[in-house]
Amino acid sequence: MKIGILGSGLAGLSLGYFLHQKGHDFMILEKNPETSGLLKSVNIDGFIFDVGGSHIIFSKDKEMLNLMVSVLGDNVVRNRRNTKILYKGHYVKYPFENGLADLPKEDNFECLYYFVKNLIEKEKGLLNPPTNMKEFFYYTFGKGIAEKYLIPYNEKIWKFPLEEMSTVWVEKIPQPPVEDIIKSSLAISTEGYTHQLYFYYPKFGGIQSLAKAFEDPIRDKIVTGFEVKRIKKEGQKWIVSNGKEEFEFDKLISTIPLQELIKALDDVPEKVTEAVNNLKFNSLITVGIGIDKSKINDFSWLYIPDKDVLTHRVSFPSNYSPNVAPEGKSSALAEITYREGDEISKMKDRDIVEKTVDDLDRLGIINKEDVALATIYRFKYAYVIYDLNYKENLKTIFDYFNKIGIDLVGRFAKWAYLNMDSVIRETKDYVKRSLP
């Protein structure tokens, strides 16, 4: 049986990796000149930037964590997270609820007061369960933490009304223990999100080294530069064409965005096309900045909720591994979300770079006099938005693909906010379940 896989991001590559282990015959078709999707890293004058967004290797799933680390072999380093939130000029420990003592005293008090008040009201049954993301933040953290950080930051990153977003994704956020909140307020050290307190990262090559590690044993099974333009079924076979060349498969698995997949199919029911078109997502801009200074800070990454600052998150790759910047230099990577048609989407690349550098200079994060170079990349599909119609739209879409027999795997095919470990877990389980 010949299996066709559409897309060679982490989902497509790890799917191929597991199929190869089982001895299956398969081919991966990739639109771009190279593989890796959002795990793309570029080398510019010795500065390596993960231009699909900052990625680190961590997981609660020990099997997946061990797999990611083991495929890298010796090309891996371990780091302890040192992440901050920039709030009113203060560097607040991440997560925000574990760094309350870093806040101005009045803000600290309000966060603690409303958290405890909320807890009491929940115990008395006075609060209704949340029906959207905004309500979830109030319900789980109280007015102080919600309004000072969680709501402004999430409004900034999602570019979508939080009251119109489902709780599907945020329900994964753990309820912080009351003792941790009190300790945090009193400056007694506590840690949140402990599964990423220590993380791994490639020594060389940036995060794309992880994708390439999955690619190495299956390189001869990948066809790049092949944009899927037409998919049709003839008898029991799937025919996939780019308009010039075609391949024939007995089974077809897609990891590409649903919007791109649907365009290649004929006679798609109107309600399915409408459901796909109603799916919401954010696009991503990354600005990589090379700095002519050996070390600008010891942070892993930094969240910036201020809406007058373009970027929402800045990571410092040269603090993950010294080998991703030339000797004596360091680097920063700023991430900016946008939605097609909004003001950011209309900005020119050079203006985005200039504003980003100016913002970071003004905030004291970098000195623009030290900037050696800057680069910018855009990715159309980055973050899946869980709006209130998300489940209904996906049911329509999945029912259709189940009926015609194309399997969907990965973040943009399953339309789910999956981290790297979850993508690899999904592909491994899929192969075990569907192609033993």
Protein backbone atom coordinates (compact mmCIF):
# COMPACT_ATOMS: atom_id res chain seq x y z
CA MET A 1 0.00 0.00 0.00
CA LYS A 2 1.40 3.40 -1.03
CA ILE A 3 0.60 6.22 1.43
CA GLY A 4 0.63 9.91 0.48
CA ILE A 5 1.34 12.56 3.11
CA LEU A 6 0.57 16.19 2.31
CA GLY A 7 2.88 18.64 4.09
CA SER A 8 6.29 18.30 5.74
CA GLY A 9 5.99 20.35 8.89
CA LEU A 10 6.57 18.53 12.16
CA ALA A 11 3.33 16.54 11.71
CA GLY A 12 4.28 15.30 8.24
CA LEU A 13 7.87 14.54 9.17
CA SER A 14 7.09 12.71 12.41
CA LEU A 15 4.32 10.79 10.63
CA GLY A 16 6.85 9.69 8.03
CA TYR A 17 9.35 8.82 10.78
CA PHE A 18 6.88 6.46 12.49
CA LEU A 19 5.66 4.95 9.18
CA HIS A 20 9.29 4.29 8.24
CA GLN A 21 9.82 2.46 11.53
CA LYS A 22 6.87 0.21 10.65
CA GLY A 23 8.18 -0.44 7.15
CA HIS A 24 5.34 1.31 5.28
CA ASP A 25 5.71 2.65 1.73
CA PHE A 26 4.97 6.38 1.68
CA MET A 27 5.78 9.71 0.06
CA ILE A 28 5.64 13.24 1.53
CA LEU A 29 4.67 16.12 -0.75
CA GLU A 30 5.79 19.60 0.29
CA LYS A 31 4.88 22.90 -1.36
CA ASN A 32 7.97 24.82 -0.22
CA PRO A 33 11.60 24.31 -1.31
CA GLU A 34 12.40 22.85 2.11
CA THR A 35 10.68 21.02 4.93
CA SER A 36 9.96 21.87 8.60
CA GLY A 37 7.00 24.30 8.43
CA LEU A 38 6.90 26.54 11.51
CA LEU A 39 10.12 24.91 12.76
CA LYS A 40 12.12 26.85 10.17
CA SER A 41 15.48 28.28 11.27
CA VAL A 42 17.64 30.62 9.20
CA ASN A 43 21.33 31.47 9.47
CA ILE A 44 22.19 35.09 8.72
CA ASP A 45 25.86 35.98 9.20
CA GLY A 46 26.14 33.39 11.97
CA PHE A 47 22.93 34.44 13.77
CA ILE A 48 20.39 31.59 13.78
CA PHE A 49 16.76 32.62 14.18
CA ASP A 50 13.73 30.34 14.59
CA VAL A 51 11.64 32.41 12.22
CA GLY A 52 8.45 30.38 12.69
CA GLY A 53 8.33 31.57 16.31
CA SER A 54 10.32 30.68 19.40
CA HIS A 55 10.12 26.95 20.15
CA ILE A 56 11.57 25.05 23.09
CA ILE A 57 11.51 21.34 23.88
CA PHE A 58 9.47 20.40 26.96
CA SER A 59 6.54 18.13 27.80
CA LYS A 60 4.50 16.55 30.55
CA ASP A 61 4.51 13.49 28.28
CA LYS A 62 7.78 11.83 29.28
CA GLU A 63 7.77 9.45 26.32
CA MET A 64 7.53 12.33 23.84
CA LEU A 65 10.09 14.41 25.73
CA ASN A 66 12.55 11.52 25.72
CA LEU A 67 11.92 10.93 22.01
CA MET A 68 12.56 14.58 21.06
CA VAL A 69 15.75 14.69 23.11
CA SER A 70 16.98 11.30 21.88
CA VAL A 71 16.52 12.04 18.14
CA LEU A 72 18.80 15.07 18.62
CA GLY A 73 21.57 12.81 19.95
CA ASP A 74 24.45 14.96 21.24
CA ASN A 75 22.99 18.11 19.66
CA VAL A 76 21.04 19.21 22.74
CA VAL A 77 21.39 21.47 25.78
CA ARG A 78 19.23 21.74 28.91
CA ASN A 79 18.20 25.11 30.35
CA ARG A 80 16.32 26.40 33.37
CA ARG A 81 13.54 28.78 32.45
CA ASN A 82 14.03 32.41 33.44
CA THR A 83 11.00 34.10 31.94
CA LYS A 84 9.49 37.47 32.81
CA ILE A 85 6.47 39.65 32.08
CA LEU A 86 7.14 43.35 31.55
CA TYR A 87 4.48 45.16 33.59
CA LYS A 88 4.60 48.90 34.29
CA GLY A 89 8.39 48.82 33.91
CA HIS A 90 8.74 45.89 36.33
CA TYR A 91 10.09 42.48 35.34
CA VAL A 92 7.54 40.13 36.88
CA LYS A 93 8.25 36.44 37.28
CA TYR A 94 6.37 34.12 34.93
CA PRO A 95 3.68 32.90 35.25
CA PHE A 96 2.22 36.20 36.45
CA GLU A 97 0.40 34.64 39.43
CA ASN A 98 3.75 33.30 40.70
CA GLY A 99 5.41 36.72 40.57
CA LEU A 100 2.97 38.96 42.47
CA ALA A 101 5.69 40.28 44.81
CA ASP A 102 7.42 41.81 41.77
CA LEU A 103 4.40 44.09 41.21
CA PRO A 104 3.86 47.54 42.69
CA LYS A 105 2.31 46.99 46.15
CA GLU A 106 -1.17 48.21 45.24
CA ASP A 107 -1.30 45.89 42.23
CA ASN A 108 0.02 43.01 44.33
CA PHE A 109 -2.73 43.59 46.91
CA GLU A 110 -5.48 43.78 44.29
CA CYS A 111 -4.35 40.54 42.63
CA LEU A 112 -4.31 38.68 45.97
CA TYR A 113 -7.55 40.25 47.25
CA TYR A 114 -9.62 39.47 44.15
CA PHE A 115 -8.18 35.97 43.84
CA VAL A 116 -9.19 35.09 47.40
CA LYS A 117 -12.56 36.88 47.04
CA ASN A 118 -13.22 34.89 43.87
CA LEU A 119 -12.26 31.65 45.59
CA ILE A 120 -14.73 32.26 48.40
CA GLU A 121 -17.53 33.13 45.97
CA LYS A 122 -16.84 29.96 43.97
CA GLU A 123 -16.96 27.85 47.14
CA LYS A 124 -20.35 29.41 47.97
CA GLY A 125 -21.65 28.69 44.47
CA LEU A 126 -22.09 32.39 43.69
CA LEU A 127 -20.19 32.30 40.38
CA ASN A 128 -21.51 30.77 37.18
CA PRO A 129 -19.08 28.56 35.23
CA PRO A 130 -17.39 30.47 32.39
CA THR A 131 -18.82 30.30 28.86
CA ASN A 132 -15.98 32.10 27.04
CA MET A 133 -12.28 32.91 27.46
CA LYS A 134 -12.80 36.30 29.09
CA GLU A 135 -15.15 34.85 31.71
CA PHE A 136 -12.66 32.03 32.30
CA PHE A 137 -9.91 34.46 33.28
CA TYR A 138 -12.17 36.25 35.77
CA TYR A 139 -13.54 32.97 37.12
CA THR A 140 -10.15 31.25 37.54
CA PHE A 141 -7.87 34.12 38.58
CA GLY A 142 -10.08 36.96 39.83
CA LYS A 143 -10.39 40.51 38.61
CA GLY A 144 -6.85 41.65 39.57
CA ILE A 145 -4.76 39.09 37.66
CA ALA A 146 -7.32 38.98 34.82
CA GLU A 147 -7.43 42.73 34.16
CA LYS A 148 -3.77 43.53 34.85
CA TYR A 149 -2.25 40.84 32.68
CA LEU A 150 -4.28 37.94 31.28
CA ILE A 151 -6.94 39.93 29.43
CA PRO A 152 -4.66 42.61 27.90
CA TYR A 153 -2.03 40.05 26.89
CA ASN A 154 -4.53 37.66 25.33
CA GLU A 155 -6.37 40.48 23.54
CA LYS A 156 -3.03 41.48 22.10
CA ILE A 157 -1.93 38.03 20.93
CA TRP A 158 -5.30 36.79 19.63
CA LYS A 159 -6.51 40.01 17.94
CA PHE A 160 -10.01 38.64 18.53
CA PRO A 161 -12.69 39.47 21.15
CA LEU A 162 -12.10 37.19 24.14
CA GLU A 163 -15.82 37.04 24.86
CA GLU A 164 -16.20 35.41 21.43
CA MET A 165 -13.54 32.77 22.13
CA SER A 166 -14.29 29.31 23.48
CA THR A 167 -12.85 27.94 26.73
CA VAL A 168 -11.57 24.83 24.87
CA TRP A 169 -7.93 25.89 24.94
CA VAL A 170 -7.74 27.75 28.28
CA GLU A 171 -9.37 24.89 30.16
CA LYS A 172 -5.90 23.27 30.02
CA ILE A 173 -4.57 26.05 32.29
CA PRO A 174 -4.35 24.65 35.84
CA GLN A 175 -6.15 26.31 38.74
CA PRO A 176 -3.33 27.92 40.77
CA PRO A 177 -3.25 26.65 44.40
CA VAL A 178 -4.28 29.35 46.88
CA GLU A 179 -1.13 28.71 48.94
CA ASP A 180 1.02 29.48 45.88
CA ILE A 181 -0.79 32.76 45.29
CA ILE A 182 -0.32 33.83 48.93
CA LYS A 183 3.36 32.81 48.89
CA SER A 184 3.82 34.65 45.60
CA SER A 185 2.33 37.81 47.09
CA LEU A 186 4.65 37.55 50.11
CA ALA A 187 7.76 36.96 47.96
CA ILE A 188 8.11 33.32 49.03
CA SER A 189 9.38 31.56 45.91
CA THR A 190 6.97 29.31 44.02
CA GLU A 191 7.03 27.90 40.50
CA GLY A 192 4.16 27.53 38.05
CA TYR A 193 3.99 25.47 34.85
CA THR A 194 6.70 23.25 36.29
CA HIS A 195 6.66 20.93 33.25
CA GLN A 196 8.55 23.65 31.34
CA LEU A 197 10.72 24.89 34.22
CA TYR A 198 13.57 22.98 32.56
CA PHE A 199 13.62 22.79 28.80
CA TYR A 200 15.83 21.49 26.03
CA TYR A 201 17.06 23.12 22.85
CA PRO A 202 19.42 22.11 20.02
CA LYS A 203 23.06 23.12 20.59
CA PHE A 204 23.46 23.88 16.88
CA GLY A 205 21.13 24.80 14.04
CA GLY A 206 18.14 26.20 15.93
CA ILE A 207 14.84 24.38 16.40
CA GLN A 208 14.86 23.18 12.78
CA SER A 209 17.46 20.66 13.92
CA LEU A 210 14.61 18.81 15.65
CA ALA A 211 12.57 18.66 12.43
CA LYS A 212 15.67 17.61 10.49
CA ALA A 213 16.33 14.80 13.00
CA PHE A 214 12.92 13.32 12.13
CA GLU A 215 13.60 13.95 8.44
CA ASP A 216 17.05 12.32 8.26
CA PRO A 217 15.95 8.66 7.96
CA ILE A 218 13.19 9.46 5.42
CA ARG A 219 14.83 12.12 3.24
CA ASP A 220 14.47 10.01 0.08
CA LYS A 221 10.68 9.85 0.65
CA ILE A 222 10.16 13.63 0.41
CA VAL A 223 9.31 15.65 -2.70
CA THR A 224 9.71 19.41 -2.17
CA GLY A 225 8.51 22.21 -4.42
CA PHE A 226 5.28 20.29 -5.06
CA GLU A 227 2.22 22.45 -4.48
CA VAL A 228 -0.93 20.33 -4.27
CA LYS A 229 -3.39 21.85 -6.75
CA ARG A 230 -5.75 18.96 -7.45
CA ILE A 231 -6.80 15.86 -5.55
CA LYS A 232 -9.20 13.37 -7.14
CA LYS A 233 -10.23 9.80 -6.54
CA GLU A 234 -10.19 7.29 -9.38
CA GLY A 235 -11.55 3.93 -8.25
CA GLN A 236 -9.65 3.04 -5.08
CA LYS A 237 -6.72 5.35 -5.85
CA TRP A 238 -6.00 8.97 -4.88
CA ILE A 239 -4.40 11.09 -7.61
CA VAL A 240 -2.51 14.16 -6.36
CA SER A 241 -1.35 16.73 -8.93
CA ASN A 242 0.58 20.01 -8.96
CA GLY A 243 -0.67 20.76 -12.47
CA LYS A 244 2.44 19.30 -14.15
CA GLU A 245 3.10 16.05 -12.33
CA GLU A 246 0.91 13.61 -10.45
CA PHE A 247 1.33 10.81 -7.93
CA GLU A 248 -0.98 7.91 -7.14
CA PHE A 249 -1.69 6.68 -3.61
CA ASP A 250 -3.82 4.01 -1.95
CA LYS A 251 -4.21 6.13 1.19
CA LEU A 252 -4.00 9.89 1.69
CA ILE A 253 -3.13 11.76 4.90
CA SER A 254 -3.17 15.55 5.06
CA THR A 255 -1.25 17.73 7.51
CA ILE A 256 -1.71 20.96 5.49
CA PRO A 257 -4.13 23.73 6.52
CA LEU A 258 -7.77 22.84 5.83
CA GLN A 259 -8.14 26.02 3.74
CA GLU A 260 -5.43 24.81 1.35
CA LEU A 261 -6.69 21.23 1.24
CA ILE A 262 -10.26 22.19 0.37
CA LYS A 263 -9.07 24.26 -2.62
CA ALA A 264 -7.59 21.15 -4.24
CA LEU A 265 -10.81 19.12 -4.11
CA ASP A 266 -13.72 19.13 -6.55
CA ASP A 267 -17.42 19.09 -5.66
CA VAL A 268 -17.01 20.00 -2.01
CA PRO A 269 -20.46 20.61 -0.45
CA GLU A 270 -21.18 24.28 0.15
CA LYS A 271 -21.74 23.79 3.88
CA VAL A 272 -18.26 22.23 4.21
CA THR A 273 -16.59 25.05 2.27
CA GLU A 274 -18.47 27.55 4.44
CA ALA A 275 -17.36 25.78 7.63
CA VAL A 276 -13.70 25.87 6.49
CA ASN A 277 -13.97 29.55 5.56
CA ASN A 278 -15.43 30.28 9.00
CA LEU A 279 -12.38 28.90 10.80
CA LYS A 280 -10.38 31.68 12.44
CA PHE A 281 -6.60 31.94 12.74
CA ASN A 282 -3.78 34.39 13.35
CA SER A 283 -0.76 34.92 11.17
CA LEU A 284 2.74 35.54 12.54
CA ILE A 285 5.57 37.97 11.91
CA THR A 286 8.96 37.37 13.48
CA VAL A 287 11.73 39.94 13.68
CA GLY A 288 15.17 38.48 14.34
CA ILE A 289 17.69 40.92 15.79
CA GLY A 290 21.43 40.30 15.91
CA ILE A 291 23.15 42.26 18.68
CA ASP A 292 26.79 43.30 18.78
CA LYS A 293 27.13 42.54 22.49
CA SER A 294 27.97 39.28 24.22
CA LYS A 295 24.95 39.22 26.57
CA ILE A 296 22.05 41.64 26.97
CA ASN A 297 20.26 39.76 29.79
CA ASP A 298 19.80 36.28 31.23
CA PHE A 299 16.12 35.92 30.27
CA SER A 300 14.69 32.98 28.34
CA TRP A 301 11.79 34.97 26.95
CA LEU A 302 9.73 38.01 27.86
CA TYR A 303 5.99 38.74 27.56
CA ILE A 304 4.88 42.29 26.82
CA PRO A 305 1.14 42.99 27.30
CA ASP A 306 1.37 46.74 26.48
CA LYS A 307 -0.69 47.46 23.38
CA ASP A 308 1.47 50.36 22.23
CA VAL A 309 4.31 47.86 21.72
CA LEU A 310 4.09 45.83 18.52
CA THR A 311 5.56 42.56 19.79
CA HIS A 312 3.84 40.40 22.40
CA ARG A 313 6.80 38.11 23.11
CA VAL A 314 10.56 38.46 22.79
CA SER A 315 12.83 35.46 23.16
CA PHE A 316 16.60 35.45 23.52
CA PRO A 317 17.91 32.49 21.47
CA SER A 318 21.56 33.05 22.38
CA ASN A 319 20.56 32.34 26.00
CA TYR A 320 19.20 28.92 24.88
CA SER A 321 22.47 27.98 23.17
CA PRO A 322 25.65 30.05 22.71
CA ASN A 323 26.06 28.47 19.27
CA VAL A 324 23.17 30.33 17.62
CA ALA A 325 25.04 33.66 17.56
CA PRO A 326 28.62 34.51 16.56
CA GLU A 327 31.14 34.64 19.38
CA GLY A 328 30.82 37.84 21.40
CA LYS A 329 27.34 38.57 20.06
CA SER A 330 23.76 37.81 21.15
CA SER A 331 20.28 37.73 19.66
CA ALA A 332 16.60 38.45 20.19
CA LEU A 333 13.49 37.27 18.36
CA ALA A 334 10.32 39.36 18.50
CA GLU A 335 6.95 37.79 17.65
CA ILE A 336 3.96 39.73 16.36
CA THR A 337 0.55 38.28 15.53
CA TYR A 338 -1.78 39.78 12.95
CA ARG A 339 -4.95 38.98 11.04
CA GLU A 340 -5.21 39.58 7.31
CA GLY A 341 -6.71 43.02 6.69
CA ASP A 342 -5.76 44.54 10.05
CA GLU A 343 -3.36 47.47 10.49
CA ILE A 344 -0.29 45.32 11.15
CA SER A 345 -0.91 43.23 8.03
CA LYS A 346 -0.78 46.42 5.95
CA MET A 347 2.52 47.64 7.41
CA LYS A 348 5.66 47.37 5.29
CA ASP A 349 8.37 45.02 6.51
CA ARG A 350 10.92 47.79 7.01
CA ASP A 351 8.42 49.77 9.15
CA ILE A 352 7.70 46.72 11.31
CA VAL A 353 11.42 46.13 11.86
CA GLU A 354 12.02 49.79 12.66
CA LYS A 355 9.13 50.00 15.14
CA THR A 356 10.10 46.73 16.80
CA VAL A 357 13.70 47.85 17.31
CA ASP A 358 12.52 51.28 18.53
CA ASP A 359 10.02 49.69 20.96
CA LEU A 360 12.63 47.37 22.47
CA ASP A 361 15.14 50.22 22.72
CA ARG A 362 12.57 52.49 24.43
CA LEU A 363 11.73 49.72 26.92
CA GLY A 364 15.42 49.21 27.73
CA ILE A 365 15.42 45.62 26.46
CA ILE A 366 18.05 46.34 23.81
CA ASN A 367 20.16 49.33 22.82
CA LYS A 368 19.51 50.02 19.16
CA GLU A 369 23.07 51.27 18.79
CA ASP A 370 24.13 47.65 19.35
CA VAL A 371 21.92 46.20 16.58
CA ALA A 372 24.13 44.46 14.02
CA LEU A 373 21.33 43.21 11.78
CA ALA A 374 17.61 42.54 11.65
CA THR A 375 15.47 40.22 9.54
CA ILE A 376 11.74 39.67 9.17
CA TYR A 377 9.57 36.68 8.18
CA ARG A 378 5.82 36.18 7.82
CA PHE A 379 3.80 32.98 8.21
CA LYS A 380 0.17 32.93 7.12
CA TYR A 381 -0.97 30.10 9.39
CA ALA A 382 0.32 30.31 12.96
CA TYR A 383 -2.30 30.24 15.74
CA VAL A 384 -5.66 28.47 15.64
CA ILE A 385 -8.41 30.63 17.17
CA TYR A 386 -11.02 28.77 19.20
CA ASP A 387 -14.09 30.89 18.52
CA LEU A 388 -17.54 29.97 19.83
CA ASN A 389 -18.49 28.18 16.58
CA TYR A 390 -15.25 26.19 16.47
CA LYS A 391 -16.67 22.79 17.46
CA GLU A 392 -19.69 23.07 15.18
CA ASN A 393 -17.56 24.01 12.16
CA LEU A 394 -15.07 21.22 12.81
CA LYS A 395 -17.81 18.59 13.10
CA THR A 396 -19.06 19.53 9.61
CA ILE A 397 -15.52 19.41 8.21
CA PHE A 398 -14.45 16.17 9.91
CA ASP A 399 -17.66 14.37 8.93
CA TYR A 400 -16.93 15.24 5.28
CA PHE A 401 -13.31 14.08 5.30
CA ASN A 402 -14.24 10.90 7.16
CA LYS A 403 -16.81 10.22 4.45
CA ILE A 404 -14.43 10.73 1.50
CA GLY A 405 -11.55 8.96 3.26
CA ILE A 406 -8.80 11.56 3.69
CA ASP A 407 -7.23 11.35 7.15
CA LEU A 408 -6.33 14.59 8.94
CA VAL A 409 -3.33 14.85 11.29
CA GLY A 410 -1.53 17.81 12.93
CA ARG A 411 -2.18 21.37 14.05
CA PHE A 412 -3.65 22.86 10.89
CA ALA A 413 -5.34 19.71 9.57
CA LYS A 414 -7.05 18.94 12.89
CA TRP A 415 -7.35 22.70 13.53
CA ALA A 416 -6.10 22.42 17.11
CA TYR A 417 -3.57 24.38 19.17
CA LEU A 418 -0.99 21.60 19.46
CA ASN A 419 2.52 22.09 20.82
CA MET A 420 5.38 20.08 19.32
CA ASP A 421 5.05 17.24 21.83
CA SER A 422 1.30 16.96 21.17
CA VAL A 423 1.86 16.87 17.40
CA ILE A 424 4.36 14.02 17.73
CA ARG A 425 2.12 12.19 20.18
CA GLU A 426 -0.77 12.49 17.73
CA THR A 427 1.23 11.17 14.78
CA LYS A 428 2.62 8.26 16.81
CA ASP A 429 -0.84 7.31 18.09
CA TYR A 430 -2.31 7.68 14.61
CA VAL A 431 0.19 5.22 13.11
CA LYS A 432 -0.33 2.77 15.95
CA ARG A 433 -4.12 3.00 15.60
CA SER A 434 -4.61 3.28 11.84
CA LEU A 435 -1.50 1.74 10.26
CA PRO A 436 -0.13 -0.90 12.64
